[in-house]
Amino acid sequence: MPDVRFIGCLHLSHLTIAKCRGFETFEEHDEWLIKQWNNTIRKKDDLTFILGDVTMEKSTPYYLLDRLVGRKIVVLGNHDKHQDVRKLLNHVESVAGMIDYKGYVLTHCPIHPSEIGSCRGNIHAHIHHNSLPIVNVNRMYNDIENNPIVSTENKYFHVDAYNIDFKPKTLIELCNLQEMKDNKV
């Protein structure tokens, strides 16, 4: 059975992000990402959801996706240009705006806290720091009697490539990371 993994914000061939992530060149960044990915994913039929920002608004680095082991589905991010989707589809299985995966919402940007109660969790990228604040929200229309307060705690799973050491993570790994984070508090 193939593994399913998640990662986002690859930012292939983007010098500014590469430098922010501690690399001298974007080539060094891209090679490290490819190495980490391919040391993690070994089977051709494994599926990885890339949760946005494959590049920084350019299609020329898409060929690097061919060097990444496994099947790939992209959820578009704010730096993925819609006019480049046809080119992107030459290197990935499919492209979407948002995906429901086993009750988890896969997005680039985190979903609004008022929506989190209707799903098992939100696997996302986009924010380049490690966590979202814990927020208590009413499910809908501030009707506490019929829609009790829902906590966002343990509902957001952040998979920015840098924050997960450039290694796509399974759902179990994400839950374990969340548990480790909770125990540190």
C-alpha atoms as a PDB file:
ATOM      1  CA  MET A   1       0.000   0.000   0.000  1.00  0.00           C
ATOM      2  CA  PRO A   2       1.435   3.405  -0.951  1.00  0.00           C
ATOM      3  CA  ASP A   3       2.259   5.987   1.709  1.00  0.00           C
ATOM      4  CA  VAL A   4       0.582   9.399   1.599  1.00  0.00           C
ATOM      5  CA  ARG A   5       2.606  12.413   2.705  1.00  0.00           C
ATOM      6  CA  PHE A   6       2.306  16.180   2.922  1.00  0.00           C
ATOM      7  CA  ILE A   7       4.645  19.142   2.374  1.00  0.00           C
ATOM      8  CA  GLY A   8       4.262  22.727   1.185  1.00  0.00           C
ATOM      9  CA  CYS A   9       6.149  25.906   0.354  1.00  0.00           C
ATOM     10  CA  LEU A  10       8.885  24.246  -1.679  1.00  0.00           C
ATOM     11  CA  HIS A  11       9.759  27.615  -3.247  1.00  0.00           C
ATOM     12  CA  LEU A  12      11.996  25.965  -5.838  1.00  0.00           C
ATOM     13  CA  SER A  13      14.643  28.250  -7.360  1.00  0.00           C
ATOM     14  CA  HIS A  14      13.792  31.193  -5.101  1.00  0.00           C
ATOM     15  CA  LEU A  15      16.953  32.900  -3.844  1.00  0.00           C
ATOM     16  CA  THR A  16      15.396  35.018  -1.092  1.00  0.00           C
ATOM     17  CA  ILE A  17      13.667  32.042   0.527  1.00  0.00           C
ATOM     18  CA  ALA A  18      16.818  29.933   0.099  1.00  0.00           C
ATOM     19  CA  LYS A  19      18.857  32.538   1.972  1.00  0.00           C
ATOM     20  CA  CYS A  20      16.185  32.857   4.695  1.00  0.00           C
ATOM     21  CA  ARG A  21      16.430  29.091   5.087  1.00  0.00           C
ATOM     22  CA  GLY A  22      20.204  29.220   5.529  1.00  0.00           C
ATOM     23  CA  PHE A  23      21.420  28.359   2.020  1.00  0.00           C
ATOM     24  CA  GLU A  24      23.893  30.389  -0.026  1.00  0.00           C
ATOM     25  CA  THR A  25      22.215  29.715  -3.384  1.00  0.00           C
ATOM     26  CA  PHE A  26      18.830  28.522  -4.568  1.00  0.00           C
ATOM     27  CA  GLU A  27      20.593  25.600  -6.285  1.00  0.00           C
ATOM     28  CA  GLU A  28      21.951  24.445  -2.917  1.00  0.00           C
ATOM     29  CA  HIS A  29      18.434  24.815  -1.430  1.00  0.00           C
ATOM     30  CA  ASP A  30      16.806  22.871  -4.254  1.00  0.00           C
ATOM     31  CA  GLU A  31      19.374  20.059  -4.126  1.00  0.00           C
ATOM     32  CA  TRP A  32      18.930  19.727  -0.357  1.00  0.00           C
ATOM     33  CA  LEU A  33      15.140  19.572  -0.745  1.00  0.00           C
ATOM     34  CA  ILE A  34      15.428  16.919  -3.471  1.00  0.00           C
ATOM     35  CA  LYS A  35      17.850  14.874  -1.349  1.00  0.00           C
ATOM     36  CA  GLN A  36      15.654  15.054   1.767  1.00  0.00           C
ATOM     37  CA  TRP A  37      12.529  14.187  -0.247  1.00  0.00           C
ATOM     38  CA  ASN A  38      14.124  11.233  -2.027  1.00  0.00           C
ATOM     39  CA  ASN A  39      15.642   9.892   1.204  1.00  0.00           C
ATOM     40  CA  THR A  40      12.130   9.946   2.675  1.00  0.00           C
ATOM     41  CA  ILE A  41      10.032   8.732  -0.240  1.00  0.00           C
ATOM     42  CA  ARG A  42      11.327   5.571  -1.853  1.00  0.00           C
ATOM     43  CA  LYS A  43       8.369   4.071  -3.736  1.00  0.00           C
ATOM     44  CA  LYS A  44       7.159   5.310  -7.106  1.00  0.00           C
ATOM     45  CA  ASP A  45       3.520   4.847  -6.095  1.00  0.00           C
ATOM     46  CA  ASP A  46       3.779   6.871  -2.852  1.00  0.00           C
ATOM     47  CA  LEU A  47       1.639  10.012  -3.034  1.00  0.00           C
ATOM     48  CA  THR A  48       2.716  13.423  -1.789  1.00  0.00           C
ATOM     49  CA  PHE A  49       0.379  16.385  -1.559  1.00  0.00           C
ATOM     50  CA  ILE A  50       2.338  19.593  -2.174  1.00  0.00           C
ATOM     51  CA  LEU A  51       0.385  22.308  -0.389  1.00  0.00           C
ATOM     52  CA  GLY A  52       1.224  25.318  -2.466  1.00  0.00           C
ATOM     53  CA  ASP A  53       4.051  27.611  -3.475  1.00  0.00           C
ATOM     54  CA  VAL A  54       5.906  25.135  -5.639  1.00  0.00           C
ATOM     55  CA  THR A  55       7.953  28.083  -6.905  1.00  0.00           C
ATOM     56  CA  MET A  56       7.808  31.847  -6.616  1.00  0.00           C
ATOM     57  CA  GLU A  57       5.540  32.730  -9.520  1.00  0.00           C
ATOM     58  CA  LYS A  58       7.597  31.118 -12.276  1.00  0.00           C
ATOM     59  CA  SER A  59       7.202  27.882 -14.184  1.00  0.00           C
ATOM     60  CA  THR A  60      10.815  27.320 -15.251  1.00  0.00           C
ATOM     61  CA  PRO A  61      11.746  25.269 -12.124  1.00  0.00           C
ATOM     62  CA  TYR A  62       8.859  22.797 -12.591  1.00  0.00           C
ATOM     63  CA  TYR A  63      11.236  20.307 -14.226  1.00  0.00           C
ATOM     64  CA  LEU A  64      12.779  19.766 -10.758  1.00  0.00           C
ATOM     65  CA  LEU A  65       9.535  18.069  -9.693  1.00  0.00           C
ATOM     66  CA  ASP A  66      10.455  15.210 -12.040  1.00  0.00           C
ATOM     67  CA  ARG A  67      13.454  14.464  -9.810  1.00  0.00           C
ATOM     68  CA  LEU A  68      11.216  13.933  -6.763  1.00  0.00           C
ATOM     69  CA  VAL A  69      10.259  10.287  -6.164  1.00  0.00           C
ATOM     70  CA  GLY A  70       6.576   9.349  -6.178  1.00  0.00           C
ATOM     71  CA  ARG A  71       3.278  10.711  -7.326  1.00  0.00           C
ATOM     72  CA  LYS A  72       2.519  14.365  -6.670  1.00  0.00           C
ATOM     73  CA  ILE A  73      -0.704  16.359  -6.314  1.00  0.00           C
ATOM     74  CA  VAL A  74      -0.507  20.129  -5.878  1.00  0.00           C
ATOM     75  CA  VAL A  75      -2.899  22.347  -3.955  1.00  0.00           C
ATOM     76  CA  LEU A  76      -2.220  25.757  -5.446  1.00  0.00           C
ATOM     77  CA  GLY A  77      -0.682  28.446  -3.268  1.00  0.00           C
ATOM     78  CA  ASN A  78      -0.649  32.209  -3.467  1.00  0.00           C
ATOM     79  CA  HIS A  79       2.615  32.135  -5.462  1.00  0.00           C
ATOM     80  CA  ASP A  80       1.459  29.481  -7.961  1.00  0.00           C
ATOM     81  CA  LYS A  81       0.164  31.272 -11.046  1.00  0.00           C
ATOM     82  CA  HIS A  82      -3.074  29.906 -12.463  1.00  0.00           C
ATOM     83  CA  GLN A  83      -1.877  30.551 -16.016  1.00  0.00           C
ATOM     84  CA  ASP A  84       1.001  28.085 -15.385  1.00  0.00           C
ATOM     85  CA  VAL A  85      -1.217  25.161 -14.357  1.00  0.00           C
ATOM     86  CA  ARG A  86      -0.982  23.493 -17.801  1.00  0.00           C
ATOM     87  CA  LYS A  87       2.828  23.499 -17.517  1.00  0.00           C
ATOM     88  CA  LEU A  88       2.645  22.248 -13.928  1.00  0.00           C
ATOM     89  CA  LEU A  89       0.427  19.339 -15.009  1.00  0.00           C
ATOM     90  CA  ASN A  90       3.324  18.037 -17.123  1.00  0.00           C
ATOM     91  CA  HIS A  91       5.142  17.279 -13.857  1.00  0.00           C
ATOM     92  CA  VAL A  92       2.392  16.351 -11.368  1.00  0.00           C
ATOM     93  CA  GLU A  93      -0.669  14.126 -11.325  1.00  0.00           C
ATOM     94  CA  SER A  94      -3.235  16.841 -10.639  1.00  0.00           C
ATOM     95  CA  VAL A  95      -3.820  20.330  -9.287  1.00  0.00           C
ATOM     96  CA  ALA A  96      -6.569  21.586  -6.978  1.00  0.00           C
ATOM     97  CA  GLY A  97      -7.556  24.583  -4.891  1.00  0.00           C
ATOM     98  CA  MET A  98      -8.473  22.576  -1.790  1.00  0.00           C
ATOM     99  CA  ILE A  99      -8.807  18.846  -1.093  1.00  0.00           C
ATOM    100  CA  ASP A 100     -10.724  16.811   1.463  1.00  0.00           C
ATOM    101  CA  TYR A 101      -8.497  13.904   2.496  1.00  0.00           C
ATOM    102  CA  LYS A 102     -10.084  11.523   4.992  1.00  0.00           C
ATOM    103  CA  GLY A 103     -11.846  14.414   6.728  1.00  0.00           C
ATOM    104  CA  TYR A 104      -8.756  16.647   6.770  1.00  0.00           C
ATOM    105  CA  VAL A 105      -8.861  19.809   4.700  1.00  0.00           C
ATOM    106  CA  LEU A 106      -5.710  20.231   2.595  1.00  0.00           C
ATOM    107  CA  THR A 107      -5.028  23.856   1.742  1.00  0.00           C
ATOM    108  CA  HIS A 108      -2.160  26.230   1.200  1.00  0.00           C
ATOM    109  CA  CYS A 109      -3.393  28.939   3.562  1.00  0.00           C
ATOM    110  CA  PRO A 110      -4.833  27.806   6.915  1.00  0.00           C
ATOM    111  CA  ILE A 111      -8.624  27.719   6.926  1.00  0.00           C
ATOM    112  CA  HIS A 112     -10.523  30.150   9.104  1.00  0.00           C
ATOM    113  CA  PRO A 113     -10.913  29.013  12.714  1.00  0.00           C
ATOM    114  CA  SER A 114     -14.713  29.148  12.424  1.00  0.00           C
ATOM    115  CA  GLU A 115     -14.509  26.332   9.844  1.00  0.00           C
ATOM    116  CA  ILE A 116     -12.153  24.055  11.772  1.00  0.00           C
ATOM    117  CA  GLY A 117     -14.923  22.395  13.782  1.00  0.00           C
ATOM    118  CA  SER A 118     -16.409  20.848  10.659  1.00  0.00           C
ATOM    119  CA  CYS A 119     -13.314  18.770   9.845  1.00  0.00           C
ATOM    120  CA  ARG A 120     -10.756  16.539  11.535  1.00  0.00           C
ATOM    121  CA  GLY A 121      -8.055  19.131  10.941  1.00  0.00           C
ATOM    122  CA  ASN A 122      -6.359  21.393   8.444  1.00  0.00           C
ATOM    123  CA  ILE A 123      -3.063  20.395   6.853  1.00  0.00           C
ATOM    124  CA  HIS A 124      -1.605  23.569   5.361  1.00  0.00           C
ATOM    125  CA  ALA A 125       1.583  25.477   4.615  1.00  0.00           C
ATOM    126  CA  HIS A 126       1.816  29.219   3.818  1.00  0.00           C
ATOM    127  CA  ILE A 127       2.799  30.687   7.183  1.00  0.00           C
ATOM    128  CA  HIS A 128       6.541  30.643   7.567  1.00  0.00           C
ATOM    129  CA  HIS A 129       6.591  30.352  11.329  1.00  0.00           C
ATOM    130  CA  ASN A 130       5.834  27.263  13.311  1.00  0.00           C
ATOM    131  CA  SER A 131       2.383  27.611  14.819  1.00  0.00           C
ATOM    132  CA  LEU A 132      -1.013  29.228  14.887  1.00  0.00           C
ATOM    133  CA  PRO A 133      -2.465  30.566  18.106  1.00  0.00           C
ATOM    134  CA  ILE A 134      -5.028  28.469  19.938  1.00  0.00           C
ATOM    135  CA  VAL A 135      -8.409  30.037  19.304  1.00  0.00           C
ATOM    136  CA  ASN A 136     -11.817  29.149  20.687  1.00  0.00           C
ATOM    137  CA  VAL A 137     -14.624  29.882  18.254  1.00  0.00           C
ATOM    138  CA  ASN A 138     -18.344  29.326  18.067  1.00  0.00           C
ATOM    139  CA  ARG A 139     -19.213  27.008  15.213  1.00  0.00           C
ATOM    140  CA  MET A 140     -21.698  29.282  13.468  1.00  0.00           C
ATOM    141  CA  TYR A 141     -23.452  32.570  14.069  1.00  0.00           C
ATOM    142  CA  ASN A 142     -22.364  32.768  17.718  1.00  0.00           C
ATOM    143  CA  ASP A 143     -25.214  30.413  18.600  1.00  0.00           C
ATOM    144  CA  ILE A 144     -23.612  28.782  21.642  1.00  0.00           C
ATOM    145  CA  GLU A 145     -26.757  26.887  22.577  1.00  0.00           C
ATOM    146  CA  ASN A 146     -26.944  24.956  19.304  1.00  0.00           C
ATOM    147  CA  ASN A 147     -23.303  25.208  18.232  1.00  0.00           C
ATOM    148  CA  PRO A 148     -20.965  24.934  21.188  1.00  0.00           C
ATOM    149  CA  ILE A 149     -17.510  26.450  21.277  1.00  0.00           C
ATOM    150  CA  VAL A 150     -14.977  24.494  19.243  1.00  0.00           C
ATOM    151  CA  SER A 151     -11.274  24.690  20.037  1.00  0.00           C
ATOM    152  CA  THR A 152      -8.736  24.959  17.236  1.00  0.00           C
ATOM    153  CA  GLU A 153      -6.132  23.273  19.443  1.00  0.00           C
ATOM    154  CA  ASN A 154      -4.505  20.295  17.704  1.00  0.00           C
ATOM    155  CA  LYS A 155      -6.431  20.958  14.486  1.00  0.00           C
ATOM    156  CA  TYR A 156      -3.775  22.735  12.408  1.00  0.00           C
ATOM    157  CA  PHE A 157      -0.890  20.763  10.892  1.00  0.00           C
ATOM    158  CA  HIS A 158       1.739  23.057   9.384  1.00  0.00           C
ATOM    159  CA  VAL A 159       3.901  21.484   6.658  1.00  0.00           C
ATOM    160  CA  ASP A 160       6.070  24.324   5.377  1.00  0.00           C
ATOM    161  CA  ALA A 161       9.091  22.472   3.909  1.00  0.00           C
ATOM    162  CA  TYR A 162      11.560  24.294   6.137  1.00  0.00           C
ATOM    163  CA  ASN A 163       9.606  23.524   9.325  1.00  0.00           C
ATOM    164  CA  ILE A 164       9.561  19.785   8.604  1.00  0.00           C
ATOM    165  CA  ASP A 165      13.215  19.551   7.538  1.00  0.00           C
ATOM    166  CA  PHE A 166      12.243  19.288   3.859  1.00  0.00           C
ATOM    167  CA  LYS A 167      10.879  15.750   4.469  1.00  0.00           C
ATOM    168  CA  PRO A 168       7.263  15.123   3.456  1.00  0.00           C
ATOM    169  CA  LYS A 169       5.327  13.766   6.454  1.00  0.00           C
ATOM    170  CA  THR A 170       2.609  11.129   6.799  1.00  0.00           C
ATOM    171  CA  LEU A 171      -0.533  11.861   8.793  1.00  0.00           C
ATOM    172  CA  ILE A 172       0.778   9.696  11.641  1.00  0.00           C
ATOM    173  CA  GLU A 173       4.066  11.637  11.651  1.00  0.00           C
ATOM    174  CA  LEU A 174       2.156  14.928  11.743  1.00  0.00           C
ATOM    175  CA  CYS A 175       0.071  13.722  14.690  1.00  0.00           C
ATOM    176  CA  ASN A 176       3.244  12.614  16.493  1.00  0.00           C
ATOM    177  CA  LEU A 177       4.864  16.018  15.851  1.00  0.00           C
ATOM    178  CA  GLN A 178       1.746  17.682  17.238  1.00  0.00           C
ATOM    179  CA  GLU A 179       1.878  15.471  20.320  1.00  0.00           C
ATOM    180  CA  MET A 180       5.572  16.239  20.857  1.00  0.00           C
ATOM    181  CA  LYS A 181       4.846  19.965  20.518  1.00  0.00           C
ATOM    182  CA  ASP A 182       1.985  19.706  23.040  1.00  0.00           C
ATOM    183  CA  ASN A 183       4.192  17.913  25.567  1.00  0.00           C
ATOM    184  CA  LYS A 184       6.825  20.666  25.401  1.00  0.00           C
ATOM    185  CA  VAL A 185       4.336  23.307  26.566  1.00  0.00           C
END
